[in-house]
């Protein structure tokens, strides 16, 4: 299946500046964030999740959301996304001129209560109010189904329940959907089956898959998602990030590692890997520690080395 589809275009979205930086132990200065986004904008990425318009008390690392949005240089063809937790966040995002807002609900009720302090029904009611605020604007809305591949408190979620959430999002008028492996519980067979089920019912509603590499299956899950018919994936530069409400969850899958894997397998991502890799190699200096990505250490698979001298 993989190589039969190798001519397919796969779209890459980076979430490092939001999903990655929100969990960093130290605040990344605003000018560093802006500079990083400006560089990422010129790599061929389709979307960049720039920030979250959440309360600074909840996530101090993203307290500069409006300043970041105001300072970036927009590049044609790149969609600049912000996560929005509620109506006030939506109002701030609209004032800042975002291209797309991302609404998140965990399909695992316990995780939604821990993360959002709401039941799923309460989240959906809030989404209705947010959609009213967006109505009439050109801003797109993406709905994320978090813990779609498993909740750390409630366990695996039935496929029908995940698809029920997608159905609710579609009825609300959302423009696209993300199925998120928030806790790193997904495995390739599960991903292939859920992706195929999604495409059977919602083939006209654009979908993205969001994976974490908590148990080392992140990139394998990307291939399973492609085989299931999905052509859009979130990833994080250097593999940084991780849900603070998912016990033991490590970072997102690594953007440069994923692009390298897909391009090596014959897929077209539209991303300039050399340019992306150069940015990733600067990331440890920005965050002040090593990052999980493999490619920044090992290099690309076609980078050959001089043969060792014989004795």
Protein backbone atom coordinates (compact mmCIF):
# COMPACT_ATOMS: atom_id res chain seq x y z
CA UNK A 1 0.00 0.00 0.00
CA UNK A 2 2.74 2.49 0.98
CA UNK A 3 4.71 2.45 -2.23
CA UNK A 4 1.60 2.30 -4.39
CA UNK A 5 0.72 5.72 -2.92
CA UNK A 6 4.20 7.17 -3.00
CA UNK A 7 3.28 9.88 -5.49
CA UNK A 8 0.74 11.33 -3.05
CA UNK A 9 1.13 14.84 -1.60
CA UNK A 10 1.33 14.90 2.19
CA UNK A 11 0.88 18.20 4.05
CA UNK A 12 2.95 19.10 7.10
CA UNK A 13 1.91 21.43 9.93
CA UNK A 14 4.29 22.50 12.70
CA UNK A 15 3.08 23.04 16.28
CA UNK A 16 6.39 23.64 18.12
CA UNK A 17 5.84 27.30 18.93
CA UNK A 18 2.53 26.55 20.66
CA UNK A 19 2.44 22.89 21.71
CA UNK A 20 6.18 22.75 22.24
CA UNK A 21 6.91 26.05 23.95
CA UNK A 22 3.92 25.91 26.30
CA UNK A 23 5.58 23.13 28.31
CA UNK A 24 9.13 24.51 28.37
CA UNK A 25 10.53 25.15 31.86
CA UNK A 26 11.71 28.62 30.83
CA UNK A 27 9.85 31.33 28.93
CA UNK A 28 11.04 31.64 25.33
CA UNK A 29 11.41 35.38 24.59
CA UNK A 30 8.87 36.88 22.22
CA UNK A 31 11.49 37.94 19.69
CA UNK A 32 12.85 34.39 19.58
CA UNK A 33 9.37 33.04 18.88
CA UNK A 34 8.79 35.58 16.11
CA UNK A 35 12.16 34.86 14.50
CA UNK A 36 11.53 31.11 14.59
CA UNK A 37 8.07 31.46 13.04
CA UNK A 38 9.45 33.70 10.30
CA UNK A 39 12.09 31.09 9.43
CA UNK A 40 9.59 28.22 9.53
CA UNK A 41 7.27 30.19 7.24
CA UNK A 42 9.83 29.90 4.45
CA UNK A 43 10.31 26.12 4.57
CA UNK A 44 7.15 25.02 2.73
CA UNK A 45 5.09 24.08 5.79
CA UNK A 46 1.36 24.34 5.18
CA UNK A 47 0.34 25.50 8.67
CA UNK A 48 2.12 26.86 11.72
CA UNK A 49 0.34 26.78 15.08
CA UNK A 50 1.65 30.06 16.42
CA UNK A 51 0.22 30.37 19.93
CA UNK A 52 -2.77 29.92 22.20
CA UNK A 53 -5.08 32.68 23.41
CA UNK A 54 -5.41 31.12 26.82
CA UNK A 55 -5.21 32.83 30.19
CA UNK A 56 -1.60 33.80 31.02
CA UNK A 57 -2.20 32.32 34.48
CA UNK A 58 -2.96 28.94 32.92
CA UNK A 59 -0.02 28.89 30.48
CA UNK A 60 2.48 31.66 31.33
CA UNK A 61 4.79 30.65 28.47
CA UNK A 62 2.22 31.88 25.93
CA UNK A 63 1.39 35.14 27.65
CA UNK A 64 2.74 37.03 24.62
CA UNK A 65 0.19 35.61 22.15
CA UNK A 66 -0.93 38.98 20.77
CA UNK A 67 2.61 40.34 20.51
CA UNK A 68 3.73 37.24 18.60
CA UNK A 69 0.83 37.44 16.16
CA UNK A 70 1.48 41.14 15.59
CA UNK A 71 5.20 40.63 15.01
CA UNK A 72 5.38 37.78 12.51
CA UNK A 73 5.94 38.22 8.79
CA UNK A 74 3.17 36.42 6.96
CA UNK A 75 4.08 34.33 3.95
CA UNK A 76 1.53 33.60 1.23
CA UNK A 77 0.32 30.02 1.31
CA UNK A 78 0.99 29.52 5.03
CA UNK A 79 -1.94 29.32 7.45
CA UNK A 80 -1.26 30.83 10.88
CA UNK A 81 -3.23 29.00 13.56
CA UNK A 82 -3.98 29.73 17.22
CA UNK A 83 -5.58 27.47 19.81
CA UNK A 84 -8.62 29.06 21.42
CA UNK A 85 -10.03 27.75 24.74
CA UNK A 86 -13.17 29.88 25.05
CA UNK A 87 -15.10 32.92 23.80
CA UNK A 88 -12.66 35.46 25.26
CA UNK A 89 -9.79 33.64 23.62
CA UNK A 90 -11.70 33.68 20.34
CA UNK A 91 -12.25 37.43 20.59
CA UNK A 92 -8.52 38.00 21.18
CA UNK A 93 -7.62 35.71 18.27
CA UNK A 94 -9.97 37.54 15.92
CA UNK A 95 -8.52 40.89 17.02
CA UNK A 96 -5.03 39.53 16.26
CA UNK A 97 -5.94 38.47 12.74
CA UNK A 98 -5.34 34.72 12.92
CA UNK A 99 -6.14 32.68 9.82
CA UNK A 100 -7.54 29.72 11.73
CA UNK A 101 -8.57 28.91 15.26
CA UNK A 102 -8.26 25.47 16.79
CA UNK A 103 -10.88 24.24 19.27
CA UNK A 104 -10.05 21.20 21.40
CA UNK A 105 -12.21 18.66 23.19
CA UNK A 106 -10.97 15.39 24.65
CA UNK A 107 -13.29 12.54 23.78
CA UNK A 108 -12.17 10.87 27.00
CA UNK A 109 -14.47 12.50 29.57
CA UNK A 110 -11.93 12.25 32.41
CA UNK A 111 -9.19 13.90 30.35
CA UNK A 112 -11.57 16.64 29.22
CA UNK A 113 -12.42 17.35 32.85
CA UNK A 114 -8.72 17.47 33.75
CA UNK A 115 -7.72 19.55 30.72
CA UNK A 116 -10.74 21.78 30.09
CA UNK A 117 -12.65 21.40 33.37
CA UNK A 118 -15.76 20.56 31.37
CA UNK A 119 -17.77 17.57 30.26
CA UNK A 120 -17.83 16.91 26.52
CA UNK A 121 -21.36 18.29 26.29
CA UNK A 122 -20.24 21.48 28.02
CA UNK A 123 -17.32 21.80 25.58
CA UNK A 124 -19.66 21.42 22.62
CA UNK A 125 -21.96 24.09 24.02
CA UNK A 126 -19.00 26.45 24.34
CA UNK A 127 -17.97 25.64 20.77
CA UNK A 128 -21.43 26.73 19.60
CA UNK A 129 -20.88 30.12 21.19
CA UNK A 130 -17.41 30.42 19.64
CA UNK A 131 -18.79 29.54 16.20
CA UNK A 132 -21.27 32.40 16.57
CA UNK A 133 -18.38 34.81 17.18
CA UNK A 134 -16.55 33.56 14.09
CA UNK A 135 -19.58 33.59 11.84
CA UNK A 136 -19.28 36.15 9.06
CA UNK A 137 -15.49 36.37 9.24
CA UNK A 138 -12.97 34.71 6.94
CA UNK A 139 -11.35 32.84 9.84
CA UNK A 140 -11.46 29.06 9.52
CA UNK A 141 -12.19 26.77 12.46
CA UNK A 142 -10.52 23.43 13.08
CA UNK A 143 -11.92 21.07 15.70
CA UNK A 144 -9.51 18.73 17.47
CA UNK A 145 -10.73 15.47 18.93
CA UNK A 146 -8.12 14.93 21.64
CA UNK A 147 -7.40 11.48 23.13
CA UNK A 148 -8.93 10.03 19.97
CA UNK A 149 -6.61 7.02 20.18
CA UNK A 150 -6.84 6.49 23.92
CA UNK A 151 -7.37 8.35 27.20
CA UNK A 152 -4.85 7.87 30.03
CA UNK A 153 -7.72 7.72 32.52
CA UNK A 154 -10.56 6.04 30.58
CA UNK A 155 -8.55 3.84 28.19
CA UNK A 156 -9.28 3.17 24.53
CA UNK A 157 -12.18 5.09 23.06
CA UNK A 158 -14.68 3.32 20.78
CA UNK A 159 -14.44 4.31 17.13
CA UNK A 160 -18.11 5.27 17.10
CA UNK A 161 -17.52 7.78 19.90
CA UNK A 162 -14.66 9.47 18.04
CA UNK A 163 -16.79 9.63 14.89
CA UNK A 164 -19.68 11.02 16.96
CA UNK A 165 -17.44 13.93 17.98
CA UNK A 166 -16.52 14.55 14.33
CA UNK A 167 -20.20 14.55 13.45
CA UNK A 168 -20.84 17.20 16.13
CA UNK A 169 -18.00 19.35 14.78
CA UNK A 170 -19.33 19.08 11.24
CA UNK A 171 -22.82 20.04 12.37
CA UNK A 172 -21.40 23.13 14.09
CA UNK A 173 -19.87 24.23 10.79
CA UNK A 174 -16.17 23.59 11.49
CA UNK A 175 -13.99 23.58 8.39
CA UNK A 176 -11.61 20.73 9.31
CA UNK A 177 -10.87 18.17 12.02
CA UNK A 178 -7.78 16.89 13.81
CA UNK A 179 -7.68 13.46 15.43
CA UNK A 180 -5.08 13.75 18.19
CA UNK A 181 -3.11 11.04 19.94
CA UNK A 182 -2.72 13.32 22.93
CA UNK A 183 -1.29 10.63 25.21
CA UNK A 184 0.86 8.65 22.77
CA UNK A 185 -1.33 5.54 23.04
CA UNK A 186 -1.94 5.01 19.30
CA UNK A 187 -0.63 2.01 17.40
CA UNK A 188 -0.48 1.56 13.60
CA UNK A 189 -3.37 -0.88 13.19
CA UNK A 190 -5.65 1.32 15.26
CA UNK A 191 -4.60 4.39 13.27
CA UNK A 192 -5.23 2.69 9.93
CA UNK A 193 -8.67 1.50 11.02
CA UNK A 194 -9.80 4.85 12.46
CA UNK A 195 -8.43 6.75 9.46
CA UNK A 196 -10.27 4.49 7.04
CA UNK A 197 -13.49 4.78 9.07
CA UNK A 198 -13.16 8.57 9.05
CA UNK A 199 -12.61 8.70 5.30
CA UNK A 200 -15.62 6.45 4.68
CA UNK A 201 -17.92 8.89 6.49
CA UNK A 202 -16.26 12.30 6.22
CA UNK A 203 -14.12 12.25 3.08
CA UNK A 204 -15.07 15.86 2.25
CA UNK A 205 -14.13 17.20 5.69
CA UNK A 206 -10.32 17.73 5.70
CA UNK A 207 -8.58 15.75 8.43
CA UNK A 208 -5.22 15.99 10.16
CA UNK A 209 -3.58 13.44 12.46
CA UNK A 210 -1.58 14.59 15.49
CA UNK A 211 0.76 12.04 17.07
CA UNK A 212 3.10 11.89 20.04
CA UNK A 213 6.08 9.57 20.17
CA UNK A 214 5.56 8.52 23.78
CA UNK A 215 6.01 4.82 23.07
CA UNK A 216 8.13 5.03 19.94
CA UNK A 217 5.33 4.44 17.43
CA UNK A 218 4.81 8.01 16.20
CA UNK A 219 6.33 7.77 12.72
CA UNK A 220 4.88 4.30 12.12
CA UNK A 221 1.49 5.81 12.92
CA UNK A 222 2.03 8.46 10.25
CA UNK A 223 2.52 5.77 7.60
CA UNK A 224 -0.57 3.95 8.88
CA UNK A 225 -2.54 7.20 8.61
CA UNK A 226 -1.37 7.77 5.04
CA UNK A 227 -2.41 4.23 4.15
CA UNK A 228 -5.79 4.97 5.75
CA UNK A 229 -6.30 7.93 3.41
CA UNK A 230 -5.15 10.90 5.53
CA UNK A 231 -2.78 13.42 3.91
CA UNK A 232 -2.18 16.01 6.65
CA UNK A 233 -0.08 15.63 9.81
CA UNK A 234 0.97 17.77 12.76
CA UNK A 235 4.51 17.58 14.06
CA UNK A 236 6.82 19.65 16.24
CA UNK A 237 10.26 20.95 15.35
CA UNK A 238 12.85 18.93 17.26
CA UNK A 239 10.09 16.73 18.70
CA UNK A 240 9.44 19.11 21.60
CA UNK A 241 6.17 19.37 23.50
CA UNK A 242 3.77 17.07 25.26
CA UNK A 243 0.40 17.33 26.97
CA UNK A 244 0.73 18.44 30.62
CA UNK A 245 -2.43 16.46 31.45
CA UNK A 246 -1.16 13.16 30.00
CA UNK A 247 0.93 11.27 32.57
CA UNK A 248 4.27 10.22 31.06
CA UNK A 249 3.58 11.81 27.67
CA UNK A 250 6.73 12.81 25.87
CA UNK A 251 7.03 15.12 22.91
CA UNK A 252 5.20 15.30 19.63
CA UNK A 253 6.59 13.50 16.63
CA UNK A 254 9.50 15.43 15.18
CA UNK A 255 8.80 17.58 12.11
CA UNK A 256 12.16 17.15 10.40
CA UNK A 257 12.22 13.40 11.14
CA UNK A 258 8.73 12.98 9.68
CA UNK A 259 9.54 15.00 6.54
CA UNK A 260 12.72 12.98 6.06
CA UNK A 261 10.82 9.69 6.39
CA UNK A 262 8.08 10.72 3.98
CA UNK A 263 10.44 12.18 1.38
CA UNK A 264 12.72 9.12 1.62
CA UNK A 265 9.66 6.95 0.95
CA UNK A 266 8.77 8.89 -2.18
CA UNK A 267 6.08 11.22 -0.86
CA UNK A 268 5.97 14.91 -1.74
CA UNK A 269 5.72 17.16 1.33
CA UNK A 270 6.61 20.44 -0.36
CA UNK A 271 9.01 21.12 2.53
CA UNK A 272 12.62 22.20 2.05
CA UNK A 273 14.20 19.65 4.38
CA UNK A 274 17.67 21.24 4.39
CA UNK A 275 16.23 24.59 5.44
CA UNK A 276 14.02 22.94 8.06
CA UNK A 277 16.94 20.94 9.44
CA UNK A 278 19.08 24.07 9.77
CA UNK A 279 16.34 25.65 11.89
CA UNK A 280 15.99 22.51 14.01
CA UNK A 281 19.71 22.52 14.76
CA UNK A 282 19.31 26.01 16.26
CA UNK A 283 16.42 24.94 18.50
CA UNK A 284 18.50 23.61 21.46
CA UNK A 285 20.08 27.04 21.83
CA UNK A 286 16.62 28.66 21.87
CA UNK A 287 15.15 26.37 24.54
CA UNK A 288 18.39 25.82 26.46
CA UNK A 289 18.52 22.03 26.30
CA UNK A 290 18.83 19.10 23.91
CA UNK A 291 15.75 18.09 21.93
CA UNK A 292 14.54 14.58 21.00
CA UNK A 293 14.82 14.82 17.20
CA UNK A 294 17.03 12.20 15.54
CA UNK A 295 17.93 13.90 12.28
CA UNK A 296 19.77 16.79 13.90
CA UNK A 297 22.21 14.24 15.31
CA UNK A 298 22.38 11.55 12.64
CA UNK A 299 21.88 13.62 9.49
CA UNK A 300 19.92 12.57 6.42
CA UNK A 301 20.17 9.00 5.20
CA UNK A 302 21.88 10.05 1.96
CA UNK A 303 24.61 12.06 3.68
CA UNK A 304 27.62 9.83 3.13
CA UNK A 305 30.91 9.92 5.05
CA UNK A 306 34.51 9.39 4.14
CA UNK A 307 35.64 5.79 4.40
CA UNK A 308 37.86 5.19 7.46
CA UNK A 309 41.54 4.90 6.70
CA UNK A 310 42.74 1.32 6.59
CA UNK A 311 45.33 0.19 9.10
